[in-house]
Amino acid sequence: MAHHKSALKRIRQTDVRTERNRARRSRIRTFVKKVELAVVEGDQTKANEALRVAQSELDRGVTKGVYKKNTAARKISRLNARVKALSA
């Protein structure tokens, strides 16, 4: 256990950030899951709408530091490809 005041504060800050990031990551996963569910159901309009929202959430995750830029881009790209495959 830390003894310095600054180290104790850093521990508190880390705990708060960890919880916040965990919640953000969970929220993003939920939106991604909605896209995947719509794709499995074969509902084009529902999938497009869910993709739009999921893309927004993934981009927000990048700005908040939860995901790296390329990770979010890769996830968006793969989701987009699955949604586009519905129309073919």
PDB file of N, CA and C in Angstrom:
ATOM      1  N   MET A   1       0.852  -1.187   0.000  1.00  0.00           N
ATOM      2  CA  MET A   1       0.000   0.000   0.000  1.00  0.00           C
ATOM      3  C   MET A   1       0.891   1.241   0.000  1.00  0.00           C
ATOM      4  N   ALA A   2       0.451   2.241  -0.744  1.00  0.00           N
ATOM      5  CA  ALA A   2       1.208   3.480  -0.848  1.00  0.00           C
ATOM      6  C   ALA A   2       1.089   4.287   0.449  1.00  0.00           C
ATOM      7  N   HIS A   3       2.110   5.092   0.714  1.00  0.00           N
ATOM      8  CA  HIS A   3       2.115   5.906   1.924  1.00  0.00           C
ATOM      9  C   HIS A   3       2.077   7.400   1.620  1.00  0.00           C
ATOM     10  N   HIS A   4       2.591   7.778   0.451  1.00  0.00           N
ATOM     11  CA  HIS A   4       2.618   9.201   0.100  1.00  0.00           C
ATOM     12  C   HIS A   4       1.228   9.655  -0.321  1.00  0.00           C
ATOM     13  N   LYS A   5       0.945  10.913   0.006  1.00  0.00           N
ATOM     14  CA  LYS A   5      -0.353  11.480  -0.322  1.00  0.00           C
ATOM     15  C   LYS A   5      -0.616  11.442  -1.826  1.00  0.00           C
ATOM     16  N   SER A   6       0.400  11.773  -2.611  1.00  0.00           N
ATOM     17  CA  SER A   6       0.238  11.808  -4.060  1.00  0.00           C
ATOM     18  C   SER A   6       0.005  10.405  -4.622  1.00  0.00           C
ATOM     19  N   ALA A   7       0.671   9.411  -4.050  1.00  0.00           N
ATOM     20  CA  ALA A   7       0.500   8.030  -4.515  1.00  0.00           C
ATOM     21  C   ALA A   7      -0.902   7.528  -4.186  1.00  0.00           C
ATOM     22  N   LEU A   8      -1.415   7.912  -3.017  1.00  0.00           N
ATOM     23  CA  LEU A   8      -2.780   7.522  -2.640  1.00  0.00           C
ATOM     24  C   LEU A   8      -3.802   8.145  -3.593  1.00  0.00           C
ATOM     25  N   LYS A   9      -3.537   9.397  -3.969  1.00  0.00           N
ATOM     26  CA  LYS A   9      -4.429  10.081  -4.906  1.00  0.00           C
ATOM     27  C   LYS A   9      -4.397   9.403  -6.272  1.00  0.00           C
ATOM     28  N   ARG A  10      -3.197   9.014  -6.712  1.00  0.00           N
ATOM     29  CA  ARG A  10      -3.077   8.334  -8.007  1.00  0.00           C
ATOM     30  C   ARG A  10      -3.850   7.008  -8.001  1.00  0.00           C
ATOM     31  N   ILE A  11      -3.831   6.313  -6.883  1.00  0.00           N
ATOM     32  CA  ILE A  11      -4.576   5.055  -6.769  1.00  0.00           C
ATOM     33  C   ILE A  11      -6.073   5.323  -6.899  1.00  0.00           C
ATOM     34  N   ARG A  12      -6.548   6.379  -6.231  1.00  0.00           N
ATOM     35  CA  ARG A  12      -7.973   6.730  -6.325  1.00  0.00           C
ATOM     36  C   ARG A  12      -8.345   7.095  -7.762  1.00  0.00           C
ATOM     37  N   GLN A  13      -7.499   7.881  -8.409  1.00  0.00           N
ATOM     38  CA  GLN A  13      -7.771   8.300  -9.787  1.00  0.00           C
ATOM     39  C   GLN A  13      -7.800   7.102 -10.728  1.00  0.00           C
ATOM     40  N   THR A  14      -6.881   6.186 -10.526  1.00  0.00           N
ATOM     41  CA  THR A  14      -6.825   4.987 -11.366  1.00  0.00           C
ATOM     42  C   THR A  14      -8.091   4.165 -11.216  1.00  0.00           C
ATOM     43  N   ASP A  15      -8.573   4.025  -9.981  1.00  0.00           N
ATOM     44  CA  ASP A  15      -9.800   3.270  -9.740  1.00  0.00           C
ATOM     45  C   ASP A  15     -10.995   3.903 -10.456  1.00  0.00           C
ATOM     46  N   VAL A  16     -11.088   5.218 -10.393  1.00  0.00           N
ATOM     47  CA  VAL A  16     -12.191   5.930 -11.034  1.00  0.00           C
ATOM     48  C   VAL A  16     -12.111   5.761 -12.547  1.00  0.00           C
ATOM     49  N   ARG A  17     -10.913   5.937 -13.109  1.00  0.00           N
ATOM     50  CA  ARG A  17     -10.736   5.806 -14.556  1.00  0.00           C
ATOM     51  C   ARG A  17     -11.014   4.383 -15.025  1.00  0.00           C
ATOM     52  N   THR A  18     -10.585   3.403 -14.235  1.00  0.00           N
ATOM     53  CA  THR A  18     -10.813   2.000 -14.601  1.00  0.00           C
ATOM     54  C   THR A  18     -12.301   1.706 -14.684  1.00  0.00           C
ATOM     55  N   GLU A  19     -13.053   2.154 -13.702  1.00  0.00           N
ATOM     56  CA  GLU A  19     -14.502   1.939 -13.700  1.00  0.00           C
ATOM     57  C   GLU A  19     -15.160   2.637 -14.890  1.00  0.00           C
ATOM     58  N   ARG A  20     -14.729   3.855 -15.155  1.00  0.00           N
ATOM     59  CA  ARG A  20     -15.306   4.636 -16.250  1.00  0.00           C
ATOM     60  C   ARG A  20     -15.025   3.964 -17.594  1.00  0.00           C
ATOM     61  N   ASN A  21     -13.778   3.528 -17.784  1.00  0.00           N
ATOM     62  CA  ASN A  21     -13.405   2.872 -19.040  1.00  0.00           C
ATOM     63  C   ASN A  21     -14.118   1.536 -19.194  1.00  0.00           C
ATOM     64  N   ARG A  22     -14.284   0.813 -18.100  1.00  0.00           N
ATOM     65  CA  ARG A  22     -14.977  -0.472 -18.141  1.00  0.00           C
ATOM     66  C   ARG A  22     -16.428  -0.256 -18.581  1.00  0.00           C
ATOM     67  N   ALA A  23     -17.055   0.779 -18.051  1.00  0.00           N
ATOM     68  CA  ALA A  23     -18.440   1.086 -18.421  1.00  0.00           C
ATOM     69  C   ALA A  23     -18.528   1.488 -19.888  1.00  0.00           C
ATOM     70  N   ARG A  24     -17.583   2.295 -20.348  1.00  0.00           N
ATOM     71  CA  ARG A  24     -17.581   2.725 -21.750  1.00  0.00           C
ATOM     72  C   ARG A  24     -17.399   1.540 -22.683  1.00  0.00           C
ATOM     73  N   ARG A  25     -16.453   0.672 -22.341  1.00  0.00           N
ATOM     74  CA  ARG A  25     -16.177  -0.502 -23.177  1.00  0.00           C
ATOM     75  C   ARG A  25     -17.400  -1.415 -23.237  1.00  0.00           C
ATOM     76  N   SER A  26     -18.061  -1.575 -22.111  1.00  0.00           N
ATOM     77  CA  SER A  26     -19.261  -2.404 -22.059  1.00  0.00           C
ATOM     78  C   SER A  26     -20.368  -1.801 -22.924  1.00  0.00           C
ATOM     79  N   ARG A  27     -20.528  -0.500 -22.847  1.00  0.00           N
ATOM     80  CA  ARG A  27     -21.536   0.205 -23.643  1.00  0.00           C
ATOM     81  C   ARG A  27     -21.267   0.030 -25.133  1.00  0.00           C
ATOM     82  N   ILE A  28     -20.006   0.145 -25.528  1.00  0.00           N
ATOM     83  CA  ILE A  28     -19.637  -0.009 -26.934  1.00  0.00           C
ATOM     84  C   ILE A  28     -19.927  -1.437 -27.392  1.00  0.00           C
ATOM     85  N   ARG A  29     -19.571  -2.412 -26.560  1.00  0.00           N
ATOM     86  CA  ARG A  29     -19.820  -3.818 -26.913  1.00  0.00           C
ATOM     87  C   ARG A  29     -21.313  -4.078 -27.116  1.00  0.00           C
ATOM     88  N   THR A  30     -22.142  -3.431 -26.308  1.00  0.00           N
ATOM     89  CA  THR A  30     -23.587  -3.594 -26.432  1.00  0.00           C
ATOM     90  C   THR A  30     -24.068  -3.095 -27.789  1.00  0.00           C
ATOM     91  N   PHE A  31     -23.588  -1.938 -28.221  1.00  0.00           N
ATOM     92  CA  PHE A  31     -23.997  -1.388 -29.513  1.00  0.00           C
ATOM     93  C   PHE A  31     -23.487  -2.248 -30.668  1.00  0.00           C
ATOM     94  N   VAL A  32     -22.288  -2.787 -30.535  1.00  0.00           N
ATOM     95  CA  VAL A  32     -21.735  -3.673 -31.568  1.00  0.00           C
ATOM     96  C   VAL A  32     -22.571  -4.953 -31.645  1.00  0.00           C
ATOM     97  N   LYS A  33     -22.968  -5.445 -30.483  1.00  0.00           N
ATOM     98  CA  LYS A  33     -23.780  -6.656 -30.435  1.00  0.00           C
ATOM     99  C   LYS A  33     -25.125  -6.449 -31.125  1.00  0.00           C
ATOM    100  N   LYS A  34     -25.693  -5.245 -31.006  1.00  0.00           N
ATOM    101  CA  LYS A  34     -26.959  -4.947 -31.663  1.00  0.00           C
ATOM    102  C   LYS A  34     -26.814  -5.019 -33.185  1.00  0.00           C
ATOM    103  N   VAL A  35     -25.673  -4.553 -33.700  1.00  0.00           N
ATOM    104  CA  VAL A  35     -25.416  -4.639 -35.141  1.00  0.00           C
ATOM    105  C   VAL A  35     -25.334  -6.104 -35.552  1.00  0.00           C
ATOM    106  N   GLU A  36     -24.559  -6.881 -34.804  1.00  0.00           N
ATOM    107  CA  GLU A  36     -24.380  -8.291 -35.140  1.00  0.00           C
ATOM    108  C   GLU A  36     -25.704  -9.049 -35.092  1.00  0.00           C
ATOM    109  N   LEU A  37     -26.542  -8.724 -34.135  1.00  0.00           N
ATOM    110  CA  LEU A  37     -27.847  -9.365 -34.016  1.00  0.00           C
ATOM    111  C   LEU A  37     -28.729  -9.036 -35.217  1.00  0.00           C
ATOM    112  N   ALA A  38     -28.708  -7.772 -35.646  1.00  0.00           N
ATOM    113  CA  ALA A  38     -29.493  -7.357 -36.815  1.00  0.00           C
ATOM    114  C   ALA A  38     -28.993  -8.052 -38.076  1.00  0.00           C
ATOM    115  N   VAL A  39     -27.678  -8.256 -38.171  1.00  0.00           N
ATOM    116  CA  VAL A  39     -27.105  -8.947 -39.331  1.00  0.00           C
ATOM    117  C   VAL A  39     -27.565 -10.404 -39.348  1.00  0.00           C
ATOM    118  N   VAL A  40     -27.540 -11.044 -38.181  1.00  0.00           N
ATOM    119  CA  VAL A  40     -27.971 -12.445 -38.095  1.00  0.00           C
ATOM    120  C   VAL A  40     -29.448 -12.577 -38.465  1.00  0.00           C
ATOM    121  N   GLU A  41     -30.256 -11.614 -38.032  1.00  0.00           N
ATOM    122  CA  GLU A  41     -31.676 -11.630 -38.364  1.00  0.00           C
ATOM    123  C   GLU A  41     -31.914 -11.334 -39.837  1.00  0.00           C
ATOM    124  N   GLY A  42     -30.952 -10.656 -40.467  1.00  0.00           N
ATOM    125  CA  GLY A  42     -31.081 -10.317 -41.884  1.00  0.00           C
ATOM    126  C   GLY A  42     -31.880  -9.053 -42.127  1.00  0.00           C
ATOM    127  N   ASP A  43     -32.026  -8.217 -41.107  1.00  0.00           N
ATOM    128  CA  ASP A  43     -32.791  -6.969 -41.220  1.00  0.00           C
ATOM    129  C   ASP A  43     -31.854  -5.832 -41.646  1.00  0.00           C
ATOM    130  N   GLN A  44     -31.932  -5.444 -42.915  1.00  0.00           N
ATOM    131  CA  GLN A  44     -31.027  -4.441 -43.498  1.00  0.00           C
ATOM    132  C   GLN A  44     -31.181  -3.068 -42.831  1.00  0.00           C
ATOM    133  N   THR A  45     -32.426  -2.589 -42.698  1.00  0.00           N
ATOM    134  CA  THR A  45     -32.638  -1.249 -42.154  1.00  0.00           C
ATOM    135  C   THR A  45     -32.222  -1.173 -40.690  1.00  0.00           C
ATOM    136  N   LYS A  46     -32.558  -2.205 -39.939  1.00  0.00           N
ATOM    137  CA  LYS A  46     -32.183  -2.248 -38.519  1.00  0.00           C
ATOM    138  C   LYS A  46     -30.662  -2.304 -38.370  1.00  0.00           C
ATOM    139  N   ALA A  47     -30.014  -3.065 -39.247  1.00  0.00           N
ATOM    140  CA  ALA A  47     -28.556  -3.195 -39.208  1.00  0.00           C
ATOM    141  C   ALA A  47     -27.882  -1.869 -39.542  1.00  0.00           C
ATOM    142  N   ASN A  48     -28.409  -1.160 -40.546  1.00  0.00           N
ATOM    143  CA  ASN A  48     -27.833   0.137 -40.927  1.00  0.00           C
ATOM    144  C   ASN A  48     -27.942   1.140 -39.789  1.00  0.00           C
ATOM    145  N   GLU A  49     -29.098   1.177 -39.152  1.00  0.00           N
ATOM    146  CA  GLU A  49     -29.304   2.111 -38.038  1.00  0.00           C
ATOM    147  C   GLU A  49     -28.389   1.760 -36.863  1.00  0.00           C
ATOM    148  N   ALA A  50     -28.315   0.465 -36.556  1.00  0.00           N
ATOM    149  CA  ALA A  50     -27.461   0.027 -35.452  1.00  0.00           C
ATOM    150  C   ALA A  50     -25.989   0.301 -35.757  1.00  0.00           C
ATOM    151  N   LEU A  51     -25.602   0.145 -37.012  1.00  0.00           N
ATOM    152  CA  LEU A  51     -24.212   0.419 -37.417  1.00  0.00           C
ATOM    153  C   LEU A  51     -23.878   1.893 -37.233  1.00  0.00           C
ATOM    154  N   ARG A  52     -24.814   2.752 -37.608  1.00  0.00           N
ATOM    155  CA  ARG A  52     -24.592   4.192 -37.466  1.00  0.00           C
ATOM    156  C   ARG A  52     -24.330   4.556 -36.002  1.00  0.00           C
ATOM    157  N   VAL A  53     -25.140   4.003 -35.104  1.00  0.00           N
ATOM    158  CA  VAL A  53     -24.988   4.292 -33.678  1.00  0.00           C
ATOM    159  C   VAL A  53     -23.703   3.670 -33.129  1.00  0.00           C
ATOM    160  N   ALA A  54     -23.411   2.441 -33.548  1.00  0.00           N
ATOM    161  CA  ALA A  54     -22.208   1.752 -33.067  1.00  0.00           C
ATOM    162  C   ALA A  54     -20.950   2.471 -33.527  1.00  0.00           C
ATOM    163  N   GLN A  55     -20.970   2.965 -34.761  1.00  0.00           N
ATOM    164  CA  GLN A  55     -19.811   3.694 -35.281  1.00  0.00           C
ATOM    165  C   GLN A  55     -19.561   4.953 -34.467  1.00  0.00           C
ATOM    166  N   SER A  56     -20.624   5.636 -34.131  1.00  0.00           N
ATOM    167  CA  SER A  56     -20.518   6.836 -33.311  1.00  0.00           C
ATOM    168  C   SER A  56     -19.926   6.509 -31.941  1.00  0.00           C
ATOM    169  N   GLU A  57     -20.393   5.425 -31.342  1.00  0.00           N
ATOM    170  CA  GLU A  57     -19.896   5.016 -30.021  1.00  0.00           C
ATOM    171  C   GLU A  57     -18.424   4.606 -30.086  1.00  0.00           C
ATOM    172  N   LEU A  58     -18.049   3.886 -31.131  1.00  0.00           N
ATOM    173  CA  LEU A  58     -16.648   3.475 -31.274  1.00  0.00           C
ATOM    174  C   LEU A  58     -15.747   4.700 -31.434  1.00  0.00           C
ATOM    175  N   ASP A  59     -16.198   5.668 -32.232  1.00  0.00           N
ATOM    176  CA  ASP A  59     -15.414   6.894 -32.407  1.00  0.00           C
ATOM    177  C   ASP A  59     -15.288   7.654 -31.091  1.00  0.00           C
ATOM    178  N   ARG A  60     -16.359   7.654 -30.313  1.00  0.00           N
ATOM    179  CA  ARG A  60     -16.310   8.315 -29.009  1.00  0.00           C
ATOM    180  C   ARG A  60     -15.338   7.587 -28.085  1.00  0.00           C
ATOM    181  N   GLY A  61     -15.307   6.263 -28.202  1.00  0.00           N
ATOM    182  CA  GLY A  61     -14.367   5.466 -27.415  1.00  0.00           C
ATOM    183  C   GLY A  61     -12.928   5.816 -27.727  1.00  0.00           C
ATOM    184  N   VAL A  62     -12.661   6.172 -28.986  1.00  0.00           N
ATOM    185  CA  VAL A  62     -11.307   6.581 -29.375  1.00  0.00           C
ATOM    186  C   VAL A  62     -10.954   7.910 -28.719  1.00  0.00           C
ATOM    187  N   THR A  63     -11.884   8.859 -28.777  1.00  0.00           N
ATOM    188  CA  THR A  63     -11.589  10.176 -28.214  1.00  0.00           C
ATOM    189  C   THR A  63     -11.426  10.119 -26.700  1.00  0.00           C
ATOM    190  N   LYS A  64     -12.119   9.155 -26.056  1.00  0.00           N
ATOM    191  CA  LYS A  64     -12.019   9.018 -24.602  1.00  0.00           C
ATOM    192  C   LYS A  64     -10.849   8.139 -24.180  1.00  0.00           C
ATOM    193  N   GLY A  65     -10.145   7.558 -25.155  1.00  0.00           N
ATOM    194  CA  GLY A  65      -8.960   6.781 -24.821  1.00  0.00           C
ATOM    195  C   GLY A  65      -9.224   5.332 -24.463  1.00  0.00           C
ATOM    196  N   VAL A  66     -10.429   4.838 -24.749  1.00  0.00           N
ATOM    197  CA  VAL A  66     -10.756   3.450 -24.437  1.00  0.00           C
ATOM    198  C   VAL A  66     -10.171   2.524 -25.500  1.00  0.00           C
ATOM    199  N   TYR A  67     -10.276   2.936 -26.771  1.00  0.00           N
ATOM    200  CA  TYR A  67      -9.727   2.170 -27.884  1.00  0.00           C
ATOM    201  C   TYR A  67      -8.716   3.015 -28.629  1.00  0.00           C
ATOM    202  N   LYS A  68      -7.767   2.338 -29.293  1.00  0.00           N
ATOM    203  CA  LYS A  68      -6.856   3.051 -30.184  1.00  0.00           C
ATOM    204  C   LYS A  68      -7.583   3.289 -31.499  1.00  0.00           C
ATOM    205  N   LYS A  69      -7.084   4.265 -32.246  1.00  0.00           N
ATOM    206  CA  LYS A  69      -7.742   4.681 -33.480  1.00  0.00           C
ATOM    207  C   LYS A  69      -7.877   3.533 -34.484  1.00  0.00           C
ATOM    208  N   ASN A  70      -6.802   2.785 -34.683  1.00  0.00           N
ATOM    209  CA  ASN A  70      -6.844   1.697 -35.664  1.00  0.00           C
ATOM    210  C   ASN A  70      -7.742   0.550 -35.217  1.00  0.00           C
ATOM    211  N   THR A  71      -7.816   0.321 -33.922  1.00  0.00           N
ATOM    212  CA  THR A  71      -8.698  -0.737 -33.406  1.00  0.00           C
ATOM    213  C   THR A  71     -10.152  -0.412 -33.734  1.00  0.00           C
ATOM    214  N   ALA A  72     -10.538   0.822 -33.474  1.00  0.00           N
ATOM    215  CA  ALA A  72     -11.911   1.234 -33.758  1.00  0.00           C
ATOM    216  C   ALA A  72     -12.170   1.196 -35.256  1.00  0.00           C
ATOM    217  N   ALA A  73     -11.206   1.634 -36.047  1.00  0.00           N
ATOM    218  CA  ALA A  73     -11.367   1.626 -37.503  1.00  0.00           C
ATOM    219  C   ALA A  73     -11.541   0.197 -38.010  1.00  0.00           C
ATOM    220  N   ARG A  74     -10.784  -0.722 -37.458  1.00  0.00           N
ATOM    221  CA  ARG A  74     -10.886  -2.130 -37.858  1.00  0.00           C
ATOM    222  C   ARG A  74     -12.265  -2.697 -37.507  1.00  0.00           C
ATOM    223  N   LYS A  75     -12.733  -2.398 -36.292  1.00  0.00           N
ATOM    224  CA  LYS A  75     -14.032  -2.901 -35.859  1.00  0.00           C
ATOM    225  C   LYS A  75     -15.155  -2.322 -36.728  1.00  0.00           C
ATOM    226  N   ILE A  76     -15.089  -1.038 -37.021  1.00  0.00           N
ATOM    227  CA  ILE A  76     -16.093  -0.390 -37.856  1.00  0.00           C
ATOM    228  C   ILE A  76     -16.071  -0.986 -39.258  1.00  0.00           C
ATOM    229  N   SER A  77     -14.886  -1.195 -39.785  1.00  0.00           N
ATOM    230  CA  SER A  77     -14.739  -1.748 -41.127  1.00  0.00           C
ATOM    231  C   SER A  77     -15.352  -3.136 -41.222  1.00  0.00           C
ATOM    232  N   ARG A  78     -15.092  -3.967 -40.245  1.00  0.00           N
ATOM    233  CA  ARG A  78     -15.619  -5.334 -40.260  1.00  0.00           C
ATOM    234  C   ARG A  78     -17.134  -5.353 -40.101  1.00  0.00           C
ATOM    235  N   LEU A  79     -17.648  -4.474 -39.237  1.00  0.00           N
ATOM    236  CA  LEU A  79     -19.100  -4.388 -39.087  1.00  0.00           C
ATOM    237  C   LEU A  79     -19.748  -3.913 -40.383  1.00  0.00           C
ATOM    238  N   ASN A  80     -19.127  -2.905 -40.988  1.00  0.00           N
ATOM    239  CA  ASN A  80     -19.649  -2.347 -42.233  1.00  0.00           C
ATOM    240  C   ASN A  80     -19.678  -3.411 -43.324  1.00  0.00           C
ATOM    241  N   ALA A  81     -18.642  -4.227 -43.396  1.00  0.00           N
ATOM    242  CA  ALA A  81     -18.582  -5.281 -44.416  1.00  0.00           C
ATOM    243  C   ALA A  81     -19.700  -6.298 -44.201  1.00  0.00           C
ATOM    244  N   ARG A  82     -19.982  -6.622 -42.948  1.00  0.00           N
ATOM    245  CA  ARG A  82     -21.049  -7.583 -42.659  1.00  0.00           C
ATOM    246  C   ARG A  82     -22.428  -7.011 -43.004  1.00  0.00           C
ATOM    247  N   VAL A  83     -22.610  -5.722 -42.755  1.00  0.00           N
ATOM    248  CA  VAL A  83     -23.893  -5.091 -43.065  1.00  0.00           C
ATOM    249  C   VAL A  83     -24.067  -5.002 -44.584  1.00  0.00           C
ATOM    250  N   LYS A  84     -22.992  -4.652 -45.296  1.00  0.00           N
ATOM    251  CA  LYS A  84     -23.061  -4.556 -46.754  1.00  0.00           C
ATOM    252  C   LYS A  84     -23.339  -5.903 -47.395  1.00  0.00           C
ATOM    253  N   ALA A  85     -22.844  -6.968 -46.774  1.00  0.00           N
ATOM    254  CA  ALA A  85     -23.051  -8.305 -47.320  1.00  0.00           C
ATOM    255  C   ALA A  85     -24.528  -8.699 -47.292  1.00  0.00           C
ATOM    256  N   LEU A  86     -25.313  -8.059 -46.438  1.00  0.00           N
ATOM    257  CA  LEU A  86     -26.748  -8.344 -46.375  1.00  0.00           C
ATOM    258  C   LEU A  86     -27.453  -7.967 -47.687  1.00  0.00           C
ATOM    259  N   SER A  87     -27.044  -6.838 -48.267  1.00  0.00           N
ATOM    260  CA  SER A  87     -27.709  -6.354 -49.464  1.00  0.00           C
ATOM    261  C   SER A  87     -27.338  -7.165 -50.700  1.00  0.00           C
ATOM    262  N   ALA A  88     -26.204  -7.855 -50.649  1.00  0.00           N
ATOM    263  CA  ALA A  88     -25.766  -8.637 -51.816  1.00  0.00           C
ATOM    264  C   ALA A  88     -26.490  -9.960 -51.927  1.00  0.00           C
TER     265      ALA A  88
END
